[in-house]
């Protein structure tokens, strides 16, 4: 009742191994794309952080160079 394995693979076996090979190749390609995109995102985040820090430093020096605002006196409301 037990069937012997034949020396040559069946068409179903060939198709299965082809699908597995293609899936492995696509998976590797997808992982490489995801890693490449992650590197690009990190580079962009670094660039934006540097721009923000430079702007904050420029704003701080501008604010320090301006004279302090004089407090205004509050007016009393006229009686109605």
Protein backbone atom coordinates (compact mmCIF):
# COMPACT_ATOMS: atom_id res chain seq x y z
CA UNK A 1 0.00 0.00 0.00
CA UNK A 2 2.91 2.36 0.44
CA UNK A 3 4.05 4.01 -2.73
CA UNK A 4 7.72 4.36 -3.49
CA UNK A 5 9.13 7.78 -4.24
CA UNK A 6 10.00 8.09 -7.88
CA UNK A 7 13.35 9.48 -8.96
CA UNK A 8 11.83 12.31 -10.93
CA UNK A 9 9.60 14.92 -9.26
CA UNK A 10 5.96 15.20 -10.14
CA UNK A 11 4.59 18.22 -12.01
CA UNK A 12 2.85 19.33 -8.81
CA UNK A 13 6.14 19.13 -6.92
CA UNK A 14 7.91 21.15 -9.59
CA UNK A 15 5.18 23.80 -9.51
CA UNK A 16 5.32 23.93 -5.71
CA UNK A 17 9.08 24.36 -5.65
CA UNK A 18 8.79 27.09 -8.31
CA UNK A 19 6.20 28.94 -6.22
CA UNK A 20 8.39 28.64 -3.12
CA UNK A 21 11.43 29.92 -5.00
CA UNK A 22 9.50 32.89 -6.41
CA UNK A 23 8.02 33.69 -3.00
CA UNK A 24 11.51 33.64 -1.42
CA UNK A 25 12.86 35.96 -4.13
CA UNK A 26 9.92 38.38 -3.74
CA UNK A 27 10.30 38.32 0.03
CA UNK A 28 13.98 39.19 -0.18
CA UNK A 29 13.22 41.98 -2.64
CA UNK A 30 10.48 43.36 -0.38
CA UNK A 31 12.77 43.31 2.66
CA UNK A 32 15.47 45.17 0.72
CA UNK A 33 12.92 47.79 -0.42
CA UNK A 34 11.62 48.24 3.13
CA UNK A 35 15.14 48.71 4.49
CA UNK A 36 15.98 51.18 1.73
CA UNK A 37 12.83 53.18 2.50
CA UNK A 38 13.62 53.15 6.23
CA UNK A 39 17.08 54.58 5.53
CA UNK A 40 15.57 57.34 3.39
CA UNK A 41 13.05 58.20 6.13
CA UNK A 42 15.81 58.42 8.76
CA UNK A 43 17.89 60.67 6.50
CA UNK A 44 14.90 62.97 5.94
CA UNK A 45 14.15 63.08 9.68
CA UNK A 46 17.75 64.08 10.37
CA UNK A 47 17.61 66.81 7.73
CA UNK A 48 14.34 68.21 9.09
CA UNK A 49 15.61 68.09 12.69
CA UNK A 50 18.71 70.09 11.69
CA UNK A 51 16.56 72.66 9.90
CA UNK A 52 14.25 72.98 12.93
CA UNK A 53 17.15 73.37 15.34
CA UNK A 54 18.77 76.03 13.13
CA UNK A 55 15.46 77.94 12.95
CA UNK A 56 14.97 77.72 16.72
CA UNK A 57 18.52 79.02 17.28
CA UNK A 58 17.94 81.91 14.88
CA UNK A 59 14.64 82.75 16.59
CA UNK A 60 16.30 82.66 20.00
CA UNK A 61 19.08 85.06 18.94
CA UNK A 62 16.53 87.39 17.33
CA UNK A 63 14.38 87.35 20.45
CA UNK A 64 17.43 88.03 22.65
CA UNK A 65 18.48 90.99 20.50
CA UNK A 66 15.07 92.67 20.67
CA UNK A 67 14.38 94.96 23.62
CA UNK A 68 12.15 93.62 26.34
CA UNK A 69 8.51 94.57 25.82
CA UNK A 70 7.27 97.25 28.16
CA UNK A 71 4.25 96.23 30.19
CA UNK A 72 1.16 98.23 29.35
CA UNK A 73 -1.01 99.66 32.07
CA UNK A 74 -4.52 98.34 32.26
CA UNK A 75 -7.29 100.86 31.96
CA UNK A 76 -10.20 100.83 34.27
CA UNK A 77 -13.57 100.30 32.72
CA UNK A 78 -15.75 103.39 32.85
CA UNK A 79 -18.81 102.94 35.10
CA UNK A 80 -21.95 102.30 33.15
